[in-house]
C-alpha cells in the first residue's frame, strides 16, 4: 500500500505493542534516512505517532496472512 504498512507480529503482552511499534518506527526511520540521505532534508519525520492494532487470536493464522497479502491490490 502506498501510505501504510500491514504487519503480522507476535509479541509478549508484558512487553507491550506500543514498544514494538516505537522500536519498528525508530529503526526503519534510521535505516531509511541512512540509505536515502535526501530524506533528512525533505521530511521532518517519516512516521506519524499514530498506529492501528488489532488482535487476531480467534482467526486462523493462514487467514490473516492471506488478508495481508490481498491488500497489495489486483
PDB file of N, CA and C in Angstrom:
ATOM      1  N   UNK A   1       0.842  -1.177   0.000  1.00  0.00           N
ATOM      2  CA  UNK A   1       0.000   0.000   0.000  1.00  0.00           C
ATOM      3  C   UNK A   1       0.890   1.244   0.000  1.00  0.00           C
ATOM      4  N   UNK A   2       0.503   2.253  -0.700  1.00  0.00           N
ATOM      5  CA  UNK A   2       1.364   3.430  -0.811  1.00  0.00           C
ATOM      6  C   UNK A   2       1.470   4.265   0.465  1.00  0.00           C
ATOM      7  N   UNK A   3       0.461   4.195   1.349  1.00  0.00           N
ATOM      8  CA  UNK A   3       0.505   5.101   2.500  1.00  0.00           C
ATOM      9  C   UNK A   3       0.420   4.408   3.850  1.00  0.00           C
ATOM     10  N   UNK A   4       0.491   3.083   3.879  1.00  0.00           N
ATOM     11  CA  UNK A   4       0.517   2.389   5.151  1.00  0.00           C
ATOM     12  C   UNK A   4       1.112   0.987   5.000  1.00  0.00           C
ATOM     13  N   UNK A   5       1.358   0.355   6.112  1.00  0.00           N
ATOM     14  CA  UNK A   5       2.017  -0.942   6.135  1.00  0.00           C
ATOM     15  C   UNK A   5       1.180  -1.909   6.968  1.00  0.00           C
ATOM     16  N   UNK A   6       1.026  -3.128   6.484  1.00  0.00           N
ATOM     17  CA  UNK A   6       0.394  -4.195   7.266  1.00  0.00           C
ATOM     18  C   UNK A   6       1.502  -5.095   7.793  1.00  0.00           C
ATOM     19  N   UNK A   7       1.473  -5.388   9.073  1.00  0.00           N
ATOM     20  CA  UNK A   7       2.443  -6.297   9.676  1.00  0.00           C
ATOM     21  C   UNK A   7       1.712  -7.309  10.537  1.00  0.00           C
ATOM     22  N   UNK A   8       2.222  -8.513  10.559  1.00  0.00           N
ATOM     23  CA  UNK A   8       1.720  -9.544  11.455  1.00  0.00           C
ATOM     24  C   UNK A   8       2.838  -9.822  12.447  1.00  0.00           C
ATOM     25  N   UNK A   9       2.617  -9.438  13.689  1.00  0.00           N
ATOM     26  CA  UNK A   9       3.661  -9.510  14.708  1.00  0.00           C
ATOM     27  C   UNK A   9       3.152 -10.278  15.915  1.00  0.00           C
ATOM     28  N   UNK A  10       3.998 -11.120  16.432  1.00  0.00           N
ATOM     29  CA  UNK A  10       3.702 -11.786  17.693  1.00  0.00           C
ATOM     30  C   UNK A  10       4.614 -11.161  18.738  1.00  0.00           C
ATOM     31  N   UNK A  11       4.026 -10.696  19.826  1.00  0.00           N
ATOM     32  CA  UNK A  11       4.850 -10.100  20.878  1.00  0.00           C
ATOM     33  C   UNK A  11       4.329 -10.506  22.253  1.00  0.00           C
ATOM     34  N   UNK A  12       5.203 -10.454  23.196  1.00  0.00           N
ATOM     35  CA  UNK A  12       4.865 -10.756  24.584  1.00  0.00           C
ATOM     36  C   UNK A  12       3.953  -9.646  25.105  1.00  0.00           C
ATOM     37  N   UNK A  13       2.778  -9.977  25.611  1.00  0.00           N
ATOM     38  CA  UNK A  13       1.867  -8.948  26.113  1.00  0.00           C
ATOM     39  C   UNK A  13       2.486  -8.109  27.234  1.00  0.00           C
ATOM     40  N   UNK A  14       3.419  -8.671  27.969  1.00  0.00           N
ATOM     41  CA  UNK A  14       4.087  -7.923  29.035  1.00  0.00           C
ATOM     42  C   UNK A  14       4.989  -6.826  28.473  1.00  0.00           C
ATOM     43  N   UNK A  15       5.507  -7.048  27.272  1.00  0.00           N
ATOM     44  CA  UNK A  15       6.390  -6.061  26.641  1.00  0.00           C
ATOM     45  C   UNK A  15       5.593  -4.870  26.151  1.00  0.00           C
ATOM     46  N   UNK A  16       4.457  -5.114  25.564  1.00  0.00           N
ATOM     47  CA  UNK A  16       3.592  -4.033  25.099  1.00  0.00           C
ATOM     48  C   UNK A  16       3.771  -3.726  23.629  1.00  0.00           C
ATOM     49  N   UNK A  17       2.654  -3.725  22.907  1.00  0.00           N
ATOM     50  CA  UNK A  17       2.699  -3.457  21.469  1.00  0.00           C
ATOM     51  C   UNK A  17       3.195  -2.045  21.181  1.00  0.00           C
ATOM     52  N   UNK A  18       2.926  -1.098  22.084  1.00  0.00           N
ATOM     53  CA  UNK A  18       3.383   0.270  21.849  1.00  0.00           C
ATOM     54  C   UNK A  18       4.908   0.334  21.771  1.00  0.00           C
ATOM     55  N   UNK A  19       5.586  -0.501  22.536  1.00  0.00           N
ATOM     56  CA  UNK A  19       7.048  -0.541  22.475  1.00  0.00           C
ATOM     57  C   UNK A  19       7.537  -1.147  21.154  1.00  0.00           C
ATOM     58  N   UNK A  20       6.836  -2.175  20.697  1.00  0.00           N
ATOM     59  CA  UNK A  20       7.194  -2.802  19.421  1.00  0.00           C
ATOM     60  C   UNK A  20       7.059  -1.786  18.293  1.00  0.00           C
ATOM     61  N   UNK A  21       5.935  -1.065  18.272  1.00  0.00           N
ATOM     62  CA  UNK A  21       5.700  -0.069  17.226  1.00  0.00           C
ATOM     63  C   UNK A  21       6.758   1.033  17.292  1.00  0.00           C
ATOM     64  N   UNK A  22       7.058   1.509  18.483  1.00  0.00           N
ATOM     65  CA  UNK A  22       8.065   2.559  18.644  1.00  0.00           C
ATOM     66  C   UNK A  22       9.434   2.101  18.133  1.00  0.00           C
ATOM     67  N   UNK A  23       9.824   0.887  18.474  1.00  0.00           N
ATOM     68  CA  UNK A  23      11.114   0.371  18.020  1.00  0.00           C
ATOM     69  C   UNK A  23      11.141   0.174  16.508  1.00  0.00           C
ATOM     70  N   UNK A  24      10.057  -0.354  15.949  1.00  0.00           N
ATOM     71  CA  UNK A  24       9.984  -0.545  14.498  1.00  0.00           C
ATOM     72  C   UNK A  24      10.090   0.780  13.746  1.00  0.00           C
ATOM     73  N   UNK A  25       9.334   1.761  14.205  1.00  0.00           N
ATOM     74  CA  UNK A  25       9.359   3.064  13.540  1.00  0.00           C
ATOM     75  C   UNK A  25      10.728   3.721  13.689  1.00  0.00           C
ATOM     76  N   UNK A  26      11.326   3.615  14.853  1.00  0.00           N
ATOM     77  CA  UNK A  26      12.642   4.204  15.067  1.00  0.00           C
ATOM     78  C   UNK A  26      13.706   3.562  14.201  1.00  0.00           C
ATOM     79  N   UNK A  27      13.720   2.230  14.178  1.00  0.00           N
ATOM     80  CA  UNK A  27      14.714   1.508  13.395  1.00  0.00           C
ATOM     81  C   UNK A  27      14.555   1.777  11.904  1.00  0.00           C
ATOM     82  N   UNK A  28      13.312   1.674  11.397  1.00  0.00           N
ATOM     83  CA  UNK A  28      13.108   1.863   9.965  1.00  0.00           C
ATOM     84  C   UNK A  28      13.378   3.304   9.538  1.00  0.00           C
ATOM     85  N   UNK A  29      13.047   4.254  10.388  1.00  0.00           N
ATOM     86  CA  UNK A  29      13.334   5.650  10.074  1.00  0.00           C
ATOM     87  C   UNK A  29      14.839   5.871   9.952  1.00  0.00           C
ATOM     88  N   UNK A  30      15.575   5.352  10.902  1.00  0.00           N
ATOM     89  CA  UNK A  30      17.035   5.500  10.881  1.00  0.00           C
ATOM     90  C   UNK A  30      17.632   4.800   9.657  1.00  0.00           C
ATOM     91  N   UNK A  31      17.182   3.589   9.369  1.00  0.00           N
ATOM     92  CA  UNK A  31      17.713   2.838   8.227  1.00  0.00           C
ATOM     93  C   UNK A  31      17.404   3.536   6.901  1.00  0.00           C
ATOM     94  N   UNK A  32      16.177   4.028   6.747  1.00  0.00           N
ATOM     95  CA  UNK A  32      15.808   4.710   5.506  1.00  0.00           C
ATOM     96  C   UNK A  32      16.573   6.017   5.327  1.00  0.00           C
ATOM     97  N   UNK A  33      16.747   6.767   6.394  1.00  0.00           N
ATOM     98  CA  UNK A  33      17.487   8.032   6.300  1.00  0.00           C
ATOM     99  C   UNK A  33      18.967   7.782   6.010  1.00  0.00           C
ATOM    100  N   UNK A  34      19.478   6.657   6.478  1.00  0.00           N
ATOM    101  CA  UNK A  34      20.870   6.318   6.192  1.00  0.00           C
ATOM    102  C   UNK A  34      21.030   5.934   4.715  1.00  0.00           C
ATOM    103  N   UNK A  35      20.075   5.176   4.201  1.00  0.00           N
ATOM    104  CA  UNK A  35      20.147   4.738   2.810  1.00  0.00           C
ATOM    105  C   UNK A  35      19.792   5.855   1.833  1.00  0.00           C
ATOM    106  N   UNK A  36      18.873   6.735   2.244  1.00  0.00           N
ATOM    107  CA  UNK A  36      18.421   7.830   1.386  1.00  0.00           C
ATOM    108  C   UNK A  36      18.620   9.160   2.110  1.00  0.00           C
ATOM    109  N   UNK A  37      19.832   9.724   2.074  1.00  0.00           N
ATOM    110  CA  UNK A  37      20.141  10.946   2.819  1.00  0.00           C
ATOM    111  C   UNK A  37      19.230  12.137   2.501  1.00  0.00           C
ATOM    112  N   UNK A  38      18.635  12.157   1.317  1.00  0.00           N
ATOM    113  CA  UNK A  38      17.750  13.276   0.969  1.00  0.00           C
ATOM    114  C   UNK A  38      16.546  13.348   1.907  1.00  0.00           C
ATOM    115  N   UNK A  39      16.180  12.228   2.498  1.00  0.00           N
ATOM    116  CA  UNK A  39      15.043  12.219   3.434  1.00  0.00           C
ATOM    117  C   UNK A  39      15.316  13.092   4.651  1.00  0.00           C
ATOM    118  N   UNK A  40      16.570  13.244   5.025  1.00  0.00           N
ATOM    119  CA  UNK A  40      16.914  14.068   6.189  1.00  0.00           C
ATOM    120  C   UNK A  40      16.519  15.519   5.960  1.00  0.00           C
ATOM    121  N   UNK A  41      16.660  15.962   4.722  1.00  0.00           N
ATOM    122  CA  UNK A  41      16.355  17.360   4.406  1.00  0.00           C
ATOM    123  C   UNK A  41      14.896  17.568   4.020  1.00  0.00           C
ATOM    124  N   UNK A  42      14.288  16.546   3.436  1.00  0.00           N
ATOM    125  CA  UNK A  42      12.939  16.688   2.894  1.00  0.00           C
ATOM    126  C   UNK A  42      11.818  16.489   3.905  1.00  0.00           C
ATOM    127  N   UNK A  43      12.010  15.557   4.835  1.00  0.00           N
ATOM    128  CA  UNK A  43      10.920  15.206   5.751  1.00  0.00           C
ATOM    129  C   UNK A  43      11.362  15.352   7.203  1.00  0.00           C
ATOM    130  N   UNK A  44      10.623  16.092   7.984  1.00  0.00           N
ATOM    131  CA  UNK A  44      10.982  16.217   9.398  1.00  0.00           C
ATOM    132  C   UNK A  44      10.838  14.894  10.148  1.00  0.00           C
ATOM    133  N   UNK A  45       9.847  14.085   9.758  1.00  0.00           N
ATOM    134  CA  UNK A  45       9.714  12.745  10.341  1.00  0.00           C
ATOM    135  C   UNK A  45       9.114  11.833   9.282  1.00  0.00           C
ATOM    136  N   UNK A  46       9.485  10.565   9.344  1.00  0.00           N
ATOM    137  CA  UNK A  46       8.984   9.613   8.357  1.00  0.00           C
ATOM    138  C   UNK A  46       7.681   8.964   8.789  1.00  0.00           C
ATOM    139  N   UNK A  47       7.443   8.898  10.074  1.00  0.00           N
ATOM    140  CA  UNK A  47       6.261   8.231  10.609  1.00  0.00           C
ATOM    141  C   UNK A  47       5.433   9.197  11.442  1.00  0.00           C
ATOM    142  N   UNK A  48       4.139   8.959  11.480  1.00  0.00           N
ATOM    143  CA  UNK A  48       3.287   9.703  12.406  1.00  0.00           C
ATOM    144  C   UNK A  48       3.315   8.978  13.757  1.00  0.00           C
ATOM    145  N   UNK A  49       2.775   9.605  14.772  1.00  0.00           N
ATOM    146  CA  UNK A  49       2.717   8.970  16.087  1.00  0.00           C
ATOM    147  C   UNK A  49       1.587   7.949  16.182  1.00  0.00           C
ATOM    148  N   UNK A  50       0.708   7.932  15.211  1.00  0.00           N
ATOM    149  CA  UNK A  50      -0.457   7.054  15.296  1.00  0.00           C
ATOM    150  C   UNK A  50      -0.191   5.677  14.694  1.00  0.00           C
ATOM    151  N   UNK A  51      -1.001   4.720  15.118  1.00  0.00           N
ATOM    152  CA  UNK A  51      -0.971   3.379  14.555  1.00  0.00           C
ATOM    153  C   UNK A  51      -2.263   2.677  14.932  1.00  0.00           C
ATOM    154  N   UNK A  52      -2.576   1.621  14.199  1.00  0.00           N
ATOM    155  CA  UNK A  52      -3.762   0.811  14.477  1.00  0.00           C
ATOM    156  C   UNK A  52      -3.311  -0.592  14.827  1.00  0.00           C
ATOM    157  N   UNK A  53      -3.899  -1.162  15.856  1.00  0.00           N
ATOM    158  CA  UNK A  53      -3.568  -2.516  16.285  1.00  0.00           C
ATOM    159  C   UNK A  53      -4.859  -3.306  16.433  1.00  0.00           C
ATOM    160  N   UNK A  54      -4.826  -4.546  15.972  1.00  0.00           N
ATOM    161  CA  UNK A  54      -5.948  -5.461  16.182  1.00  0.00           C
ATOM    162  C   UNK A  54      -5.379  -6.825  16.552  1.00  0.00           C
ATOM    163  N   UNK A  55      -6.052  -7.506  17.438  1.00  0.00           N
ATOM    164  CA  UNK A  55      -5.619  -8.848  17.782  1.00  0.00           C
ATOM    165  C   UNK A  55      -6.350  -9.849  16.900  1.00  0.00           C
ATOM    166  N   UNK A  56      -5.735 -10.987  16.685  1.00  0.00           N
ATOM    167  CA  UNK A  56      -6.317 -11.970  15.780  1.00  0.00           C
ATOM    168  C   UNK A  56      -6.327 -13.372  16.395  1.00  0.00           C
ATOM    169  N   UNK A  57      -6.471 -13.452  17.695  1.00  0.00           N
ATOM    170  CA  UNK A  57      -6.419 -14.730  18.387  1.00  0.00           C
ATOM    171  C   UNK A  57      -7.450 -15.746  17.939  1.00  0.00           C
ATOM    172  N   UNK A  58      -8.629 -15.310  17.526  1.00  0.00           N
ATOM    173  CA  UNK A  58      -9.691 -16.249  17.166  1.00  0.00           C
ATOM    174  C   UNK A  58      -9.717 -16.582  15.675  1.00  0.00           C
ATOM    175  N   UNK A  59      -8.803 -16.029  14.919  1.00  0.00           N
ATOM    176  CA  UNK A  59      -8.766 -16.229  13.466  1.00  0.00           C
ATOM    177  C   UNK A  59      -7.558 -17.102  13.122  1.00  0.00           C
ATOM    178  N   UNK A  60      -7.726 -18.077  12.220  1.00  0.00           N
ATOM    179  CA  UNK A  60      -6.571 -18.886  11.815  1.00  0.00           C
ATOM    180  C   UNK A  60      -5.473 -18.017  11.194  1.00  0.00           C
ATOM    181  N   UNK A  61      -4.242 -18.332  11.533  1.00  0.00           N
ATOM    182  CA  UNK A  61      -3.098 -17.549  11.062  1.00  0.00           C
ATOM    183  C   UNK A  61      -3.037 -17.465   9.542  1.00  0.00           C
ATOM    184  N   UNK A  62      -3.362 -18.551   8.861  1.00  0.00           N
ATOM    185  CA  UNK A  62      -3.354 -18.534   7.393  1.00  0.00           C
ATOM    186  C   UNK A  62      -4.330 -17.502   6.835  1.00  0.00           C
ATOM    187  N   UNK A  63      -5.476 -17.345   7.478  1.00  0.00           N
ATOM    188  CA  UNK A  63      -6.457 -16.356   7.038  1.00  0.00           C
ATOM    189  C   UNK A  63      -5.936 -14.937   7.184  1.00  0.00           C
ATOM    190  N   UNK A  64      -5.230 -14.670   8.270  1.00  0.00           N
ATOM    191  CA  UNK A  64      -4.653 -13.336   8.485  1.00  0.00           C
ATOM    192  C   UNK A  64      -3.576 -13.067   7.442  1.00  0.00           C
ATOM    193  N   UNK A  65      -2.717 -14.039   7.200  1.00  0.00           N
ATOM    194  CA  UNK A  65      -1.667 -13.880   6.192  1.00  0.00           C
ATOM    195  C   UNK A  65      -2.260 -13.619   4.812  1.00  0.00           C
ATOM    196  N   UNK A  66      -3.310 -14.349   4.486  1.00  0.00           N
ATOM    197  CA  UNK A  66      -3.977 -14.166   3.190  1.00  0.00           C
ATOM    198  C   UNK A  66      -4.562 -12.760   3.087  1.00  0.00           C
ATOM    199  N   UNK A  67      -5.190 -12.289   4.165  1.00  0.00           N
ATOM    200  CA  UNK A  67      -5.759 -10.936   4.177  1.00  0.00           C
ATOM    201  C   UNK A  67      -4.669  -9.895   3.902  1.00  0.00           C
ATOM    202  N   UNK A  68      -3.544 -10.033   4.565  1.00  0.00           N
ATOM    203  CA  UNK A  68      -2.447  -9.078   4.369  1.00  0.00           C
ATOM    204  C   UNK A  68      -1.952  -9.126   2.936  1.00  0.00           C
ATOM    205  N   UNK A  69      -1.759 -10.308   2.400  1.00  0.00           N
ATOM    206  CA  UNK A  69      -1.308 -10.452   1.004  1.00  0.00           C
ATOM    207  C   UNK A  69      -2.311  -9.832   0.036  1.00  0.00           C
ATOM    208  N   UNK A  70      -3.601  -9.998   0.310  1.00  0.00           N
ATOM    209  CA  UNK A  70      -4.641  -9.467  -0.577  1.00  0.00           C
ATOM    210  C   UNK A  70      -4.678  -7.943  -0.590  1.00  0.00           C
ATOM    211  N   UNK A  71      -4.077  -7.297   0.379  1.00  0.00           N
ATOM    212  CA  UNK A  71      -4.081  -5.841   0.438  1.00  0.00           C
ATOM    213  C   UNK A  71      -3.166  -5.217  -0.612  1.00  0.00           C
ATOM    214  N   UNK A  72      -2.336  -6.007  -1.233  1.00  0.00           N
ATOM    215  CA  UNK A  72      -1.437  -5.498  -2.268  1.00  0.00           C
ATOM    216  C   UNK A  72      -2.186  -4.998  -3.499  1.00  0.00           C
ATOM    217  N   UNK A  73      -3.404  -5.446  -3.663  1.00  0.00           N
ATOM    218  CA  UNK A  73      -4.206  -4.992  -4.797  1.00  0.00           C
ATOM    219  C   UNK A  73      -4.238  -6.038  -5.903  1.00  0.00           C
ATOM    220  N   UNK A  74      -4.919  -5.702  -6.997  1.00  0.00           N
ATOM    221  CA  UNK A  74      -5.098  -6.682  -8.100  1.00  0.00           C
ATOM    222  C   UNK A  74      -3.816  -6.998  -8.825  1.00  0.00           C
TER     223      UNK A  74
END
